[in-house]
Amino acid sequence: PDVKAFVRAWARLWDLKANEPILMQITGVRGEGM
């Protein structure tokens, strides 16, 4: 539910309408060094 609410709130912030594509990613880095 909190993910659904986040997406809806984000779309409202930008005034997105129905059927406008939204790209949502979880991405990142891990490891050692730089």
PDB file of all heavy atoms in Angstrom:
ATOM      1  N   PRO A   1       0.806  -1.224   0.000  1.00  0.00           N
ATOM      2  CA  PRO A   1       0.000   0.000   0.000  1.00  0.00           C
ATOM      3  C   PRO A   1       0.840   1.276   0.000  1.00  0.00           C
ATOM      4  O   PRO A   1       0.452   2.270  -0.625  1.00  0.00           O
ATOM      5  CB  PRO A   1      -0.826  -0.124   1.289  1.00  0.00           C
ATOM      6  CG  PRO A   1      -0.928  -1.591   1.530  1.00  0.00           C
ATOM      7  CD  PRO A   1       0.375  -2.155   1.073  1.00  0.00           C
ATOM      8  N   ASP A   2       1.981   1.269   0.699  1.00  0.00           N
ATOM      9  CA  ASP A   2       2.781   2.491   0.730  1.00  0.00           C
ATOM     10  C   ASP A   2       3.491   2.733  -0.595  1.00  0.00           C
ATOM     11  O   ASP A   2       3.781   3.882  -0.956  1.00  0.00           O
ATOM     12  CB  ASP A   2       3.768   2.503   1.900  1.00  0.00           C
ATOM     13  CG  ASP A   2       4.681   1.295   1.969  1.00  0.00           C
ATOM     14  OD1 ASP A   2       4.488   0.327   1.196  1.00  0.00           O
ATOM     15  OD2 ASP A   2       5.600   1.293   2.820  1.00  0.00           O
ATOM     16  N   VAL A   3       3.760   1.673  -1.367  1.00  0.00           N
ATOM     17  CA  VAL A   3       4.325   1.849  -2.710  1.00  0.00           C
ATOM     18  C   VAL A   3       3.262   2.424  -3.646  1.00  0.00           C
ATOM     19  O   VAL A   3       3.519   3.361  -4.412  1.00  0.00           O
ATOM     20  CB  VAL A   3       4.871   0.518  -3.257  1.00  0.00           C
ATOM     21  CG1 VAL A   3       5.300   0.663  -4.713  1.00  0.00           C
ATOM     22  CG2 VAL A   3       6.044   0.043  -2.403  1.00  0.00           C
ATOM     23  N   LYS A   4       2.054   1.863  -3.587  1.00  0.00           N
ATOM     24  CA  LYS A   4       0.969   2.369  -4.417  1.00  0.00           C
ATOM     25  C   LYS A   4       0.685   3.841  -4.118  1.00  0.00           C
ATOM     26  O   LYS A   4       0.484   4.658  -5.026  1.00  0.00           O
ATOM     27  CB  LYS A   4      -0.291   1.536  -4.192  1.00  0.00           C
ATOM     28  CG  LYS A   4      -0.196   0.106  -4.700  1.00  0.00           C
ATOM     29  CD  LYS A   4      -1.496  -0.641  -4.428  1.00  0.00           C
ATOM     30  CE  LYS A   4      -1.453  -2.062  -4.938  1.00  0.00           C
ATOM     31  NZ  LYS A   4      -2.718  -2.790  -4.699  1.00  0.00           N
ATOM     32  N   ALA A   5       0.672   4.188  -2.823  1.00  0.00           N
ATOM     33  CA  ALA A   5       0.410   5.574  -2.441  1.00  0.00           C
ATOM     34  C   ALA A   5       1.534   6.486  -2.927  1.00  0.00           C
ATOM     35  O   ALA A   5       1.277   7.613  -3.380  1.00  0.00           O
ATOM     36  CB  ALA A   5       0.250   5.682  -0.925  1.00  0.00           C
ATOM     37  N   PHE A   6       2.773   6.022  -2.838  1.00  0.00           N
ATOM     38  CA  PHE A   6       3.913   6.812  -3.304  1.00  0.00           C
ATOM     39  C   PHE A   6       3.787   7.111  -4.792  1.00  0.00           C
ATOM     40  O   PHE A   6       3.985   8.256  -5.224  1.00  0.00           O
ATOM     41  CB  PHE A   6       5.208   6.062  -3.015  1.00  0.00           C
ATOM     42  CG  PHE A   6       6.439   6.697  -3.603  1.00  0.00           C
ATOM     43  CD1 PHE A   6       7.056   7.761  -2.968  1.00  0.00           C
ATOM     44  CD2 PHE A   6       6.985   6.223  -4.790  1.00  0.00           C
ATOM     45  CE1 PHE A   6       8.190   8.349  -3.510  1.00  0.00           C
ATOM     46  CE2 PHE A   6       8.113   6.800  -5.335  1.00  0.00           C
ATOM     47  CZ  PHE A   6       8.722   7.867  -4.702  1.00  0.00           C
ATOM     48  N   VAL A   7       3.476   6.101  -5.592  1.00  0.00           N
ATOM     49  CA  VAL A   7       3.362   6.302  -7.045  1.00  0.00           C
ATOM     50  C   VAL A   7       2.221   7.258  -7.359  1.00  0.00           C
ATOM     51  O   VAL A   7       2.363   8.177  -8.182  1.00  0.00           O
ATOM     52  CB  VAL A   7       3.156   4.956  -7.765  1.00  0.00           C
ATOM     53  CG1 VAL A   7       2.896   5.174  -9.251  1.00  0.00           C
ATOM     54  CG2 VAL A   7       4.384   4.064  -7.576  1.00  0.00           C
ATOM     55  N   ARG A   8       1.079   7.075  -6.700  1.00  0.00           N
ATOM     56  CA  ARG A   8      -0.055   7.961  -6.936  1.00  0.00           C
ATOM     57  C   ARG A   8       0.280   9.396  -6.530  1.00  0.00           C
ATOM     58  O   ARG A   8      -0.045  10.354  -7.245  1.00  0.00           O
ATOM     59  CB  ARG A   8      -1.273   7.489  -6.153  1.00  0.00           C
ATOM     60  CG  ARG A   8      -1.933   6.221  -6.699  1.00  0.00           C
ATOM     61  CD  ARG A   8      -3.116   5.817  -5.841  1.00  0.00           C
ATOM     62  NE  ARG A   8      -4.075   6.891  -5.703  1.00  0.00           N
ATOM     63  CZ  ARG A   8      -4.789   7.140  -4.603  1.00  0.00           C
ATOM     64  NH1 ARG A   8      -4.624   6.384  -3.525  1.00  0.00           N
ATOM     65  NH2 ARG A   8      -5.651   8.139  -4.571  1.00  0.00           N
ATOM     66  N   ALA A   9       0.945   9.552  -5.396  1.00  0.00           N
ATOM     67  CA  ALA A   9       1.286  10.899  -4.932  1.00  0.00           C
ATOM     68  C   ALA A   9       2.305  11.545  -5.854  1.00  0.00           C
ATOM     69  O   ALA A   9       2.242  12.752  -6.123  1.00  0.00           O
ATOM     70  CB  ALA A   9       1.819  10.835  -3.503  1.00  0.00           C
ATOM     71  N   TRP A  10       3.252  10.750  -6.322  1.00  0.00           N
ATOM     72  CA  TRP A  10       4.249  11.293  -7.251  1.00  0.00           C
ATOM     73  C   TRP A  10       3.581  11.745  -8.543  1.00  0.00           C
ATOM     74  O   TRP A  10       3.882  12.827  -9.067  1.00  0.00           O
ATOM     75  CB  TRP A  10       5.325  10.239  -7.540  1.00  0.00           C
ATOM     76  CG  TRP A  10       6.444  10.783  -8.352  1.00  0.00           C
ATOM     77  CD1 TRP A  10       7.557  11.432  -7.898  1.00  0.00           C
ATOM     78  CD2 TRP A  10       6.572  10.740  -9.777  1.00  0.00           C
ATOM     79  NE1 TRP A  10       8.375  11.800  -8.954  1.00  0.00           N
ATOM     80  CE2 TRP A  10       7.787  11.382 -10.113  1.00  0.00           C
ATOM     81  CE3 TRP A  10       5.780  10.220 -10.804  1.00  0.00           C
ATOM     82  CZ2 TRP A  10       8.222  11.523 -11.433  1.00  0.00           C
ATOM     83  CZ3 TRP A  10       6.205  10.361 -12.118  1.00  0.00           C
ATOM     84  CH2 TRP A  10       7.412  11.007 -12.423  1.00  0.00           C
ATOM     85  N   ALA A  11       2.668  10.948  -9.060  1.00  0.00           N
ATOM     86  CA  ALA A  11       1.956  11.321 -10.283  1.00  0.00           C
ATOM     87  C   ALA A  11       1.132  12.588 -10.069  1.00  0.00           C
ATOM     88  O   ALA A  11       1.050  13.454 -10.950  1.00  0.00           O
ATOM     89  CB  ALA A  11       1.060  10.168 -10.736  1.00  0.00           C
ATOM     90  N   ARG A  12       0.522  12.719  -8.880  1.00  0.00           N
ATOM     91  CA  ARG A  12      -0.253  13.925  -8.591  1.00  0.00           C
ATOM     92  C   ARG A  12       0.650  15.147  -8.506  1.00  0.00           C
ATOM     93  O   ARG A  12       0.273  16.242  -8.954  1.00  0.00           O
ATOM     94  CB  ARG A  12      -1.032  13.746  -7.290  1.00  0.00           C
ATOM     95  CG  ARG A  12      -1.852  14.966  -6.903  1.00  0.00           C
ATOM     96  CD  ARG A  12      -2.652  14.762  -5.627  1.00  0.00           C
ATOM     97  NE  ARG A  12      -3.768  13.842  -5.845  1.00  0.00           N
ATOM     98  CZ  ARG A  12      -4.760  13.682  -4.956  1.00  0.00           C
ATOM     99  NH1 ARG A  12      -4.757  14.366  -3.818  1.00  0.00           N
ATOM    100  NH2 ARG A  12      -5.733  12.831  -5.206  1.00  0.00           N
ATOM    101  N   LEU A  13       1.832  14.988  -7.928  1.00  0.00           N
ATOM    102  CA  LEU A  13       2.769  16.108  -7.833  1.00  0.00           C
ATOM    103  C   LEU A  13       3.062  16.694  -9.206  1.00  0.00           C
ATOM    104  O   LEU A  13       3.160  17.912  -9.368  1.00  0.00           O
ATOM    105  CB  LEU A  13       4.075  15.635  -7.169  1.00  0.00           C
ATOM    106  CG  LEU A  13       5.210  16.652  -7.084  1.00  0.00           C
ATOM    107  CD1 LEU A  13       4.843  17.796  -6.133  1.00  0.00           C
ATOM    108  CD2 LEU A  13       6.499  15.971  -6.629  1.00  0.00           C
ATOM    109  N   TRP A  14       3.200  15.818 -10.206  1.00  0.00           N
ATOM    110  CA  TRP A  14       3.544  16.259 -11.568  1.00  0.00           C
ATOM    111  C   TRP A  14       2.307  16.401 -12.453  1.00  0.00           C
ATOM    112  O   TRP A  14       2.436  16.624 -13.657  1.00  0.00           O
ATOM    113  CB  TRP A  14       4.527  15.279 -12.183  1.00  0.00           C
ATOM    114  CG  TRP A  14       5.840  15.239 -11.461  1.00  0.00           C
ATOM    115  CD1 TRP A  14       6.264  14.320 -10.548  1.00  0.00           C
ATOM    116  CD2 TRP A  14       6.909  16.193 -11.564  1.00  0.00           C
ATOM    117  NE1 TRP A  14       7.518  14.620 -10.085  1.00  0.00           N
ATOM    118  CE2 TRP A  14       7.941  15.766 -10.689  1.00  0.00           C
ATOM    119  CE3 TRP A  14       7.088  17.360 -12.307  1.00  0.00           C
ATOM    120  CZ2 TRP A  14       9.138  16.467 -10.549  1.00  0.00           C
ATOM    121  CZ3 TRP A  14       8.292  18.061 -12.173  1.00  0.00           C
ATOM    122  CH2 TRP A  14       9.288  17.608 -11.297  1.00  0.00           C
ATOM    123  N   ASP A  15       1.125  16.244 -11.873  1.00  0.00           N
ATOM    124  CA  ASP A  15      -0.134  16.392 -12.605  1.00  0.00           C
ATOM    125  C   ASP A  15      -0.210  15.442 -13.797  1.00  0.00           C
ATOM    126  O   ASP A  15      -0.660  15.810 -14.884  1.00  0.00           O
ATOM    127  CB  ASP A  15      -0.321  17.839 -13.069  1.00  0.00           C
ATOM    128  CG  ASP A  15      -1.755  18.132 -13.515  1.00  0.00           C
ATOM    129  OD1 ASP A  15      -2.674  17.462 -13.003  1.00  0.00           O
ATOM    130  OD2 ASP A  15      -1.929  18.994 -14.398  1.00  0.00           O
ATOM    131  N   LEU A  16       0.223  14.203 -13.596  1.00  0.00           N
ATOM    132  CA  LEU A  16       0.146  13.220 -14.670  1.00  0.00           C
ATOM    133  C   LEU A  16      -1.295  12.757 -14.844  1.00  0.00           C
ATOM    134  O   LEU A  16      -2.047  12.630 -13.890  1.00  0.00           O
ATOM    135  CB  LEU A  16       1.030  12.012 -14.352  1.00  0.00           C
ATOM    136  CG  LEU A  16       2.536  12.249 -14.227  1.00  0.00           C
ATOM    137  CD1 LEU A  16       3.257  10.909 -14.109  1.00  0.00           C
ATOM    138  CD2 LEU A  16       3.093  13.062 -15.378  1.00  0.00           C
ATOM    139  N   LYS A  17      -1.642  12.470 -16.094  1.00  0.00           N
ATOM    140  CA  LYS A  17      -2.974  12.001 -16.424  1.00  0.00           C
ATOM    141  C   LYS A  17      -2.949  10.498 -16.662  1.00  0.00           C
ATOM    142  O   LYS A  17      -1.909   9.854 -16.641  1.00  0.00           O
ATOM    143  CB  LYS A  17      -3.489  12.726 -17.667  1.00  0.00           C
ATOM    144  CG  LYS A  17      -3.419  14.249 -17.581  1.00  0.00           C
ATOM    145  CD  LYS A  17      -4.105  14.796 -16.336  1.00  0.00           C
ATOM    146  CE  LYS A  17      -4.025  16.329 -16.290  1.00  0.00           C
ATOM    147  NZ  LYS A  17      -4.564  16.880 -15.026  1.00  0.00           N
ATOM    148  N   ALA A  18      -4.127   9.941 -16.905  1.00  0.00           N
ATOM    149  CA  ALA A  18      -4.240   8.501 -17.147  1.00  0.00           C
ATOM    150  C   ALA A  18      -3.408   8.096 -18.363  1.00  0.00           C
ATOM    151  O   ALA A  18      -3.356   8.814 -19.361  1.00  0.00           O
ATOM    152  CB  ALA A  18      -5.703   8.122 -17.363  1.00  0.00           C
ATOM    153  N   ASN A  19      -2.734   6.950 -18.220  1.00  0.00           N
ATOM    154  CA  ASN A  19      -1.996   6.302 -19.309  1.00  0.00           C
ATOM    155  C   ASN A  19      -0.724   7.033 -19.738  1.00  0.00           C
ATOM    156  O   ASN A  19      -0.211   6.775 -20.825  1.00  0.00           O
ATOM    157  CB  ASN A  19      -2.908   6.074 -20.518  1.00  0.00           C
ATOM    158  CG  ASN A  19      -4.112   5.217 -20.172  1.00  0.00           C
ATOM    159  OD1 ASN A  19      -3.983   4.196 -19.500  1.00  0.00           O
ATOM    160  ND2 ASN A  19      -5.292   5.653 -20.594  1.00  0.00           N
ATOM    161  N   GLU A  20      -0.220   7.922 -18.883  1.00  0.00           N
ATOM    162  CA  GLU A  20       1.106   8.497 -19.144  1.00  0.00           C
ATOM    163  C   GLU A  20       2.152   7.554 -18.545  1.00  0.00           C
ATOM    164  O   GLU A  20       2.130   7.293 -17.341  1.00  0.00           O
ATOM    165  CB  GLU A  20       1.238   9.886 -18.525  1.00  0.00           C
ATOM    166  CG  GLU A  20       0.425  10.951 -19.209  1.00  0.00           C
ATOM    167  CD  GLU A  20       0.861  12.353 -18.802  1.00  0.00           C
ATOM    168  OE1 GLU A  20       1.984  12.763 -19.160  1.00  0.00           O
ATOM    169  OE2 GLU A  20       0.083  13.040 -18.107  1.00  0.00           O
ATOM    170  N   PRO A  21       3.088   7.034 -19.347  1.00  0.00           N
ATOM    171  CA  PRO A  21       4.066   6.076 -18.823  1.00  0.00           C
ATOM    172  C   PRO A  21       4.961   6.679 -17.741  1.00  0.00           C
ATOM    173  O   PRO A  21       5.450   7.806 -17.867  1.00  0.00           O
ATOM    174  CB  PRO A  21       4.885   5.704 -20.063  1.00  0.00           C
ATOM    175  CG  PRO A  21       3.997   6.020 -21.222  1.00  0.00           C
ATOM    176  CD  PRO A  21       3.217   7.225 -20.796  1.00  0.00           C
ATOM    177  N   ILE A  22       5.145   5.906 -16.682  1.00  0.00           N
ATOM    178  CA  ILE A  22       6.027   6.262 -15.567  1.00  0.00           C
ATOM    179  C   ILE A  22       7.077   5.161 -15.460  1.00  0.00           C
ATOM    180  O   ILE A  22       6.735   3.978 -15.356  1.00  0.00           O
ATOM    181  CB  ILE A  22       5.240   6.343 -14.246  1.00  0.00           C
ATOM    182  CG1 ILE A  22       4.140   7.406 -14.325  1.00  0.00           C
ATOM    183  CG2 ILE A  22       6.181   6.620 -13.073  1.00  0.00           C
ATOM    184  CD1 ILE A  22       3.150   7.348 -13.163  1.00  0.00           C
ATOM    185  N   LEU A  23       8.337   5.525 -15.485  1.00  0.00           N
ATOM    186  CA  LEU A  23       9.415   4.557 -15.313  1.00  0.00           C
ATOM    187  C   LEU A  23       9.874   4.596 -13.855  1.00  0.00           C
ATOM    188  O   LEU A  23      10.297   5.640 -13.360  1.00  0.00           O
ATOM    189  CB  LEU A  23      10.584   4.884 -16.238  1.00  0.00           C
ATOM    190  CG  LEU A  23      11.814   3.968 -16.141  1.00  0.00           C
ATOM    191  CD1 LEU A  23      11.454   2.525 -16.449  1.00  0.00           C
ATOM    192  CD2 LEU A  23      12.927   4.461 -17.056  1.00  0.00           C
ATOM    193  N   MET A  24       9.794   3.456 -13.182  1.00  0.00           N
ATOM    194  CA  MET A  24      10.221   3.368 -11.784  1.00  0.00           C
ATOM    195  C   MET A  24      11.307   2.316 -11.665  1.00  0.00           C
ATOM    196  O   MET A  24      11.144   1.183 -12.124  1.00  0.00           O
ATOM    197  CB  MET A  24       9.046   3.015 -10.876  1.00  0.00           C
ATOM    198  CG  MET A  24       9.372   3.060  -9.388  1.00  0.00           C
ATOM    199  SD  MET A  24       7.871   2.888  -8.383  1.00  0.00           S
ATOM    200  CE  MET A  24       8.538   3.033  -6.723  1.00  0.00           C
ATOM    201  N   GLN A  25      12.435   2.704 -11.068  1.00  0.00           N
ATOM    202  CA  GLN A  25      13.592   1.823 -10.951  1.00  0.00           C
ATOM    203  C   GLN A  25      14.051   1.727  -9.500  1.00  0.00           C
ATOM    204  O   GLN A  25      14.002   2.713  -8.767  1.00  0.00           O
ATOM    205  CB  GLN A  25      14.765   2.369 -11.762  1.00  0.00           C
ATOM    206  CG  GLN A  25      14.470   2.760 -13.186  1.00  0.00           C
ATOM    207  CD  GLN A  25      15.644   3.498 -13.806  1.00  0.00           C
ATOM    208  OE1 GLN A  25      16.792   3.031 -13.766  1.00  0.00           O
ATOM    209  NE2 GLN A  25      15.375   4.668 -14.376  1.00  0.00           N
ATOM    210  N   ILE A  26      14.539   0.557  -9.123  1.00  0.00           N
ATOM    211  CA  ILE A  26      15.380   0.414  -7.942  1.00  0.00           C
ATOM    212  C   ILE A  26      16.749   0.024  -8.464  1.00  0.00           C
ATOM    213  O   ILE A  26      16.900  -0.987  -9.163  1.00  0.00           O
ATOM    214  CB  ILE A  26      14.866  -0.665  -6.977  1.00  0.00           C
ATOM    215  CG1 ILE A  26      13.471  -0.325  -6.462  1.00  0.00           C
ATOM    216  CG2 ILE A  26      15.828  -0.809  -5.789  1.00  0.00           C
ATOM    217  CD1 ILE A  26      12.895  -1.366  -5.508  1.00  0.00           C
ATOM    218  N   THR A  27      17.746   0.826  -8.171  1.00  0.00           N
ATOM    219  CA  THR A  27      19.070   0.594  -8.740  1.00  0.00           C
ATOM    220  C   THR A  27      20.128   1.076  -7.758  1.00  0.00           C
ATOM    221  O   THR A  27      19.851   1.895  -6.878  1.00  0.00           O
ATOM    222  CB  THR A  27      19.215   1.333 -10.089  1.00  0.00           C
ATOM    223  OG1 THR A  27      20.498   1.072 -10.662  1.00  0.00           O
ATOM    224  CG2 THR A  27      19.045   2.830  -9.928  1.00  0.00           C
ATOM    225  N   GLY A  28      21.331   0.556  -7.896  1.00  0.00           N
ATOM    226  CA  GLY A  28      22.386   1.000  -6.998  1.00  0.00           C
ATOM    227  C   GLY A  28      23.666   0.226  -7.153  1.00  0.00           C
ATOM    228  O   GLY A  28      23.804  -0.626  -8.044  1.00  0.00           O
ATOM    229  N   VAL A  29      24.613   0.549  -6.292  1.00  0.00           N
ATOM    230  CA  VAL A  29      25.951  -0.030  -6.353  1.00  0.00           C
ATOM    231  C   VAL A  29      26.325  -0.572  -4.986  1.00  0.00           C
ATOM    232  O   VAL A  29      25.837  -0.111  -3.954  1.00  0.00           O
ATOM    233  CB  VAL A  29      26.998   1.009  -6.816  1.00  0.00           C
ATOM    234  CG1 VAL A  29      26.749   1.425  -8.259  1.00  0.00           C
ATOM    235  CG2 VAL A  29      26.986   2.244  -5.901  1.00  0.00           C
ATOM    236  N   ARG A  30      27.204  -1.564  -4.996  1.00  0.00           N
ATOM    237  CA  ARG A  30      27.746  -2.094  -3.748  1.00  0.00           C
ATOM    238  C   ARG A  30      29.128  -2.657  -4.050  1.00  0.00           C
ATOM    239  O   ARG A  30      29.466  -2.962  -5.192  1.00  0.00           O
ATOM    240  CB  ARG A  30      26.834  -3.188  -3.178  1.00  0.00           C
ATOM    241  CG  ARG A  30      26.536  -4.339  -4.130  1.00  0.00           C
ATOM    242  CD  ARG A  30      25.948  -5.551  -3.408  1.00  0.00           C
ATOM    243  NE  ARG A  30      24.643  -5.326  -2.822  1.00  0.00           N
ATOM    244  CZ  ARG A  30      23.498  -5.727  -3.362  1.00  0.00           C
ATOM    245  NH1 ARG A  30      23.498  -6.376  -4.533  1.00  0.00           N
ATOM    246  NH2 ARG A  30      22.349  -5.503  -2.764  1.00  0.00           N
ATOM    247  N   GLY A  31      29.935  -2.780  -3.016  1.00  0.00           N
ATOM    248  CA  GLY A  31      31.245  -3.381  -3.218  1.00  0.00           C
ATOM    249  C   GLY A  31      32.337  -2.686  -2.435  1.00  0.00           C
ATOM    250  O   GLY A  31      32.102  -2.138  -1.354  1.00  0.00           O
ATOM    251  N   GLU A  32      33.531  -2.690  -3.010  1.00  0.00           N
ATOM    252  CA  GLU A  32      34.709  -2.108  -2.365  1.00  0.00           C
ATOM    253  C   GLU A  32      35.441  -1.220  -3.366  1.00  0.00           C
ATOM    254  O   GLU A  32      35.164  -1.253  -4.566  1.00  0.00           O
ATOM    255  CB  GLU A  32      35.635  -3.227  -1.864  1.00  0.00           C
ATOM    256  CG  GLU A  32      34.966  -4.145  -0.844  1.00  0.00           C
ATOM    257  CD  GLU A  32      35.855  -5.306  -0.443  1.00  0.00           C
ATOM    258  OE1 GLU A  32      36.895  -5.514  -1.109  1.00  0.00           O
ATOM    259  OE2 GLU A  32      35.510  -6.012   0.534  1.00  0.00           O
ATOM    260  N   GLY A  33      36.390  -0.430  -2.838  1.00  0.00           N
ATOM    261  CA  GLY A  33      37.147   0.459  -3.711  1.00  0.00           C
ATOM    262  C   GLY A  33      36.350   1.696  -4.047  1.00  0.00           C
ATOM    263  O   GLY A  33      35.646   2.253  -3.205  1.00  0.00           O
ATOM    264  N   MET A  34      36.418   2.129  -5.305  1.00  0.00           N
ATOM    265  CA  MET A  34      35.699   3.323  -5.747  1.00  0.00           C
ATOM    266  C   MET A  34      34.889   2.986  -6.983  1.00  0.00           C
ATOM    267  O   MET A  34      35.320   2.225  -7.844  1.00  0.00           O
ATOM    268  CB  MET A  34      36.681   4.463  -6.062  1.00  0.00           C
ATOM    269  CG  MET A  34      35.996   5.763  -6.517  1.00  0.00           C
ATOM    270  SD  MET A  34      37.133   7.156  -6.674  1.00  0.00           S
ATOM    271  CE  MET A  34      37.517   7.480  -4.941  1.00  0.00           C
TER     272      MET A  34
END
